[in-house]
Amino acid sequence: MSYVVGPGDLVLCVNAAPNHVTGMPVPLQAGETYRVLEVMPFACPCGRSDALLDVGIDFAWCQTRFRLLPKPKAQLKPIRVSAPKEKETVR
């Protein structure tokens, strides 16, 4: 793949077709995001990718089933804290 995927990255499932090696249906859902637990540098038997991704469902999946999602940009927003006004009692 043209991008580097690492543990902790979010990926989008774009291909939930049956397993291209065994022909069995896969438990992944197209359009859902998954967090990568581990990247295994192992050539997929299909020859289309050089790594398998472990997303915590079943076993490892061919990297071509996923697209890397961009990391969210951190935005600092001022935090407004409301404190009760102190009233001074006059006698």
N, C-alpha and C. Protein backbone atom coordinates (compact mmCIF):
# COMPACT_ATOMS: atom_id res chain seq x y z
N MET A 1 0.84 -1.17 0.00
CA MET A 1 0.00 0.00 0.00
C MET A 1 0.89 1.24 0.00
N SER A 2 0.30 2.33 -0.42
CA SER A 2 1.07 3.55 -0.54
C SER A 2 1.14 4.33 0.77
N TYR A 3 0.49 3.89 1.81
CA TYR A 3 0.52 4.59 3.08
C TYR A 3 0.90 3.60 4.18
N VAL A 4 1.41 4.14 5.26
CA VAL A 4 1.88 3.31 6.37
C VAL A 4 0.79 3.23 7.43
N VAL A 5 0.40 2.03 7.77
CA VAL A 5 -0.60 1.80 8.80
C VAL A 5 0.13 1.25 10.02
N GLY A 6 -0.22 1.75 11.19
CA GLY A 6 0.41 1.28 12.41
C GLY A 6 -0.62 0.95 13.47
N PRO A 7 -0.18 0.31 14.53
CA PRO A 7 -1.10 0.00 15.63
C PRO A 7 -1.73 1.27 16.19
N GLY A 8 -3.04 1.22 16.43
CA GLY A 8 -3.76 2.37 16.96
C GLY A 8 -4.41 3.22 15.89
N ASP A 9 -4.07 3.04 14.63
CA ASP A 9 -4.67 3.83 13.55
C ASP A 9 -6.10 3.37 13.29
N LEU A 10 -6.92 4.30 12.81
CA LEU A 10 -8.28 3.96 12.42
C LEU A 10 -8.30 3.68 10.92
N VAL A 11 -8.99 2.60 10.55
CA VAL A 11 -9.11 2.25 9.14
C VAL A 11 -10.58 2.05 8.80
N LEU A 12 -10.92 2.31 7.56
CA LEU A 12 -12.28 2.15 7.05
C LEU A 12 -12.33 0.89 6.21
N CYS A 13 -13.29 0.03 6.48
CA CYS A 13 -13.45 -1.19 5.69
C CYS A 13 -14.13 -0.82 4.38
N VAL A 14 -13.47 -1.08 3.26
CA VAL A 14 -14.04 -0.75 1.96
C VAL A 14 -14.38 -2.00 1.15
N ASN A 15 -14.03 -3.18 1.66
CA ASN A 15 -14.26 -4.41 0.92
C ASN A 15 -14.64 -5.51 1.90
N ALA A 16 -15.92 -5.83 1.98
CA ALA A 16 -16.39 -6.89 2.87
C ALA A 16 -16.78 -8.12 2.06
N ALA A 17 -16.17 -8.29 0.88
CA ALA A 17 -16.44 -9.45 0.04
C ALA A 17 -15.96 -10.71 0.76
N PRO A 18 -16.41 -11.87 0.33
CA PRO A 18 -15.95 -13.10 0.97
C PRO A 18 -14.43 -13.21 0.94
N ASN A 19 -13.89 -13.97 1.87
CA ASN A 19 -12.45 -14.17 1.96
C ASN A 19 -11.93 -14.65 0.61
N HIS A 20 -10.95 -13.94 0.06
CA HIS A 20 -10.48 -14.27 -1.28
C HIS A 20 -9.56 -15.49 -1.31
N VAL A 21 -9.24 -16.06 -0.16
CA VAL A 21 -8.43 -17.27 -0.12
C VAL A 21 -9.32 -18.49 0.10
N THR A 22 -10.22 -18.40 1.11
CA THR A 22 -11.05 -19.55 1.45
C THR A 22 -12.46 -19.47 0.87
N GLY A 23 -12.93 -18.27 0.50
CA GLY A 23 -14.27 -18.11 -0.02
C GLY A 23 -15.34 -18.01 1.06
N MET A 24 -14.95 -18.04 2.32
CA MET A 24 -15.89 -17.96 3.43
C MET A 24 -16.32 -16.51 3.63
N PRO A 25 -17.57 -16.26 4.10
CA PRO A 25 -18.00 -14.89 4.38
C PRO A 25 -17.19 -14.29 5.53
N VAL A 26 -17.01 -12.99 5.48
CA VAL A 26 -16.22 -12.32 6.51
C VAL A 26 -17.14 -11.56 7.46
N PRO A 27 -16.74 -11.42 8.74
CA PRO A 27 -17.57 -10.71 9.71
C PRO A 27 -17.40 -9.19 9.66
N LEU A 28 -16.59 -8.67 8.74
CA LEU A 28 -16.39 -7.23 8.63
C LEU A 28 -17.59 -6.60 7.94
N GLN A 29 -17.83 -5.33 8.22
CA GLN A 29 -18.93 -4.58 7.59
C GLN A 29 -18.33 -3.44 6.77
N ALA A 30 -18.69 -3.37 5.51
CA ALA A 30 -18.21 -2.27 4.67
C ALA A 30 -18.76 -0.95 5.20
N GLY A 31 -17.91 0.06 5.26
CA GLY A 31 -18.31 1.37 5.75
C GLY A 31 -18.10 1.57 7.23
N GLU A 32 -17.69 0.53 7.96
CA GLU A 32 -17.42 0.67 9.39
C GLU A 32 -15.94 0.92 9.62
N THR A 33 -15.65 1.60 10.71
CA THR A 33 -14.25 1.86 11.05
C THR A 33 -13.78 0.86 12.10
N TYR A 34 -12.51 0.54 12.02
CA TYR A 34 -11.89 -0.39 12.94
C TYR A 34 -10.56 0.19 13.39
N ARG A 35 -10.16 -0.16 14.61
CA ARG A 35 -8.86 0.26 15.13
C ARG A 35 -7.87 -0.89 14.92
N VAL A 36 -6.71 -0.57 14.36
CA VAL A 36 -5.69 -1.57 14.09
C VAL A 36 -5.00 -1.94 15.39
N LEU A 37 -5.01 -3.22 15.71
CA LEU A 37 -4.32 -3.71 16.90
C LEU A 37 -2.88 -4.08 16.59
N GLU A 38 -2.67 -4.68 15.43
CA GLU A 38 -1.33 -5.12 15.06
C GLU A 38 -1.21 -5.19 13.55
N VAL A 39 -0.03 -4.89 13.05
CA VAL A 39 0.27 -5.04 11.63
C VAL A 39 1.29 -6.15 11.51
N MET A 40 0.93 -7.17 10.73
CA MET A 40 1.83 -8.32 10.56
C MET A 40 2.44 -8.27 9.17
N PRO A 41 3.76 -8.07 9.09
CA PRO A 41 4.41 -8.02 7.78
C PRO A 41 4.48 -9.42 7.16
N PHE A 42 3.40 -9.79 6.51
CA PHE A 42 3.28 -11.11 5.91
C PHE A 42 2.57 -10.93 4.58
N ALA A 43 3.15 -11.43 3.53
CA ALA A 43 2.54 -11.29 2.21
C ALA A 43 1.23 -12.06 2.16
N CYS A 44 0.16 -11.37 1.81
CA CYS A 44 -1.14 -12.01 1.71
C CYS A 44 -1.10 -13.01 0.54
N PRO A 45 -1.74 -14.16 0.68
CA PRO A 45 -1.73 -15.15 -0.40
C PRO A 45 -2.30 -14.62 -1.72
N CYS A 46 -3.10 -13.56 -1.67
CA CYS A 46 -3.66 -13.03 -2.92
C CYS A 46 -2.61 -12.27 -3.72
N GLY A 47 -1.51 -11.85 -3.07
CA GLY A 47 -0.45 -11.13 -3.75
C GLY A 47 -0.71 -9.65 -3.91
N ARG A 48 -1.79 -9.13 -3.31
CA ARG A 48 -2.13 -7.72 -3.47
C ARG A 48 -1.62 -6.85 -2.34
N SER A 49 -1.18 -7.43 -1.23
CA SER A 49 -0.67 -6.61 -0.13
C SER A 49 0.51 -7.30 0.52
N ASP A 50 1.28 -6.51 1.23
CA ASP A 50 2.47 -7.03 1.89
C ASP A 50 2.31 -7.10 3.40
N ALA A 51 1.08 -6.91 3.88
CA ALA A 51 0.84 -6.97 5.32
C ALA A 51 -0.59 -7.41 5.60
N LEU A 52 -0.76 -8.01 6.77
CA LEU A 52 -2.09 -8.37 7.25
C LEU A 52 -2.39 -7.52 8.47
N LEU A 53 -3.63 -7.05 8.60
CA LEU A 53 -4.02 -6.20 9.72
C LEU A 53 -4.89 -6.98 10.69
N ASP A 54 -4.57 -6.87 11.98
CA ASP A 54 -5.39 -7.46 13.03
C ASP A 54 -6.26 -6.35 13.60
N VAL A 55 -7.58 -6.44 13.39
CA VAL A 55 -8.50 -5.42 13.90
C VAL A 55 -9.36 -5.97 15.02
N GLY A 56 -8.99 -7.11 15.59
CA GLY A 56 -9.69 -7.67 16.73
C GLY A 56 -10.90 -8.51 16.37
N ILE A 57 -11.13 -8.73 15.09
CA ILE A 57 -12.26 -9.55 14.66
C ILE A 57 -11.69 -10.73 13.89
N ASP A 58 -11.98 -11.91 14.38
CA ASP A 58 -11.49 -13.14 13.77
C ASP A 58 -9.97 -13.12 13.75
N PHE A 59 -9.38 -13.30 12.59
CA PHE A 59 -7.91 -13.30 12.50
C PHE A 59 -7.48 -12.05 11.76
N ALA A 60 -6.35 -12.09 11.11
CA ALA A 60 -5.83 -10.94 10.38
C ALA A 60 -6.47 -10.86 8.99
N TRP A 61 -6.59 -9.63 8.49
CA TRP A 61 -7.23 -9.40 7.20
C TRP A 61 -6.27 -8.71 6.25
N CYS A 62 -6.48 -8.98 4.97
CA CYS A 62 -5.66 -8.38 3.92
C CYS A 62 -5.76 -6.85 4.01
N GLN A 63 -4.63 -6.20 3.88
CA GLN A 63 -4.57 -4.75 4.01
C GLN A 63 -5.38 -4.05 2.92
N THR A 64 -5.64 -4.71 1.81
CA THR A 64 -6.40 -4.08 0.72
C THR A 64 -7.87 -3.91 1.05
N ARG A 65 -8.35 -4.52 2.12
CA ARG A 65 -9.75 -4.36 2.52
C ARG A 65 -10.00 -3.02 3.21
N PHE A 66 -8.94 -2.31 3.58
CA PHE A 66 -9.08 -1.12 4.40
C PHE A 66 -8.43 0.09 3.76
N ARG A 67 -8.89 1.26 4.18
CA ARG A 67 -8.26 2.54 3.82
C ARG A 67 -7.99 3.28 5.12
N LEU A 68 -6.83 3.88 5.20
CA LEU A 68 -6.42 4.62 6.40
C LEU A 68 -7.23 5.90 6.50
N LEU A 69 -7.79 6.16 7.68
CA LEU A 69 -8.52 7.40 7.92
C LEU A 69 -7.54 8.44 8.45
N PRO A 70 -7.74 9.71 8.10
CA PRO A 70 -6.84 10.74 8.59
C PRO A 70 -6.96 10.90 10.10
N LYS A 71 -5.85 11.25 10.71
CA LYS A 71 -5.87 11.47 12.16
C LYS A 71 -6.55 12.80 12.44
N PRO A 72 -7.37 12.85 13.48
CA PRO A 72 -8.04 14.11 13.80
C PRO A 72 -7.02 15.17 14.23
N LYS A 73 -7.25 16.39 13.78
CA LYS A 73 -6.36 17.49 14.15
C LYS A 73 -6.78 18.01 15.51
N ALA A 74 -5.80 18.22 16.35
CA ALA A 74 -6.09 18.74 17.69
C ALA A 74 -6.45 20.22 17.58
N GLN A 75 -7.52 20.60 18.21
CA GLN A 75 -7.95 21.99 18.22
C GLN A 75 -8.10 22.43 19.67
N LEU A 76 -7.39 23.48 19.99
CA LEU A 76 -7.49 24.03 21.34
C LEU A 76 -8.64 25.02 21.39
N LYS A 77 -9.52 24.79 22.31
CA LYS A 77 -10.64 25.70 22.50
C LYS A 77 -10.57 26.23 23.93
N PRO A 78 -10.80 27.51 24.10
CA PRO A 78 -10.77 28.04 25.46
C PRO A 78 -11.90 27.43 26.28
N ILE A 79 -11.55 27.05 27.46
CA ILE A 79 -12.53 26.43 28.36
C ILE A 79 -13.09 27.51 29.27
N ARG A 80 -14.41 27.64 29.26
CA ARG A 80 -15.07 28.61 30.13
C ARG A 80 -15.56 27.89 31.36
N VAL A 81 -15.12 28.38 32.48
CA VAL A 81 -15.53 27.79 33.75
C VAL A 81 -16.43 28.79 34.44
N SER A 82 -17.61 28.35 34.79
CA SER A 82 -18.51 29.25 35.48
C SER A 82 -18.41 28.97 36.99
N ALA A 83 -18.10 30.00 37.71
CA ALA A 83 -17.99 29.89 39.16
C ALA A 83 -19.07 30.78 39.78
N PRO A 84 -19.64 30.36 40.87
CA PRO A 84 -20.67 31.19 41.50
C PRO A 84 -20.04 32.48 42.04
N LYS A 85 -20.80 33.56 41.94
CA LYS A 85 -20.31 34.84 42.44
C LYS A 85 -20.39 34.83 43.96
N GLU A 86 -19.34 35.32 44.53
CA GLU A 86 -19.32 35.36 46.01
C GLU A 86 -20.03 36.64 46.45
N LYS A 87 -20.94 36.50 47.38
CA LYS A 87 -21.67 37.65 47.90
C LYS A 87 -21.11 37.98 49.28
N GLU A 88 -20.90 39.24 49.46
CA GLU A 88 -20.39 39.70 50.74
C GLU A 88 -21.56 40.18 51.59
N THR A 89 -21.67 39.66 52.78
CA THR A 89 -22.77 40.08 53.64
C THR A 89 -22.35 41.29 54.46
N VAL A 90 -23.19 42.31 54.48
CA VAL A 90 -22.91 43.54 55.20
C VAL A 90 -23.87 43.62 56.36
N ARG A 91 -23.38 43.88 57.58
CA ARG A 91 -24.23 43.97 58.76
C ARG A 91 -24.21 45.32 59.34
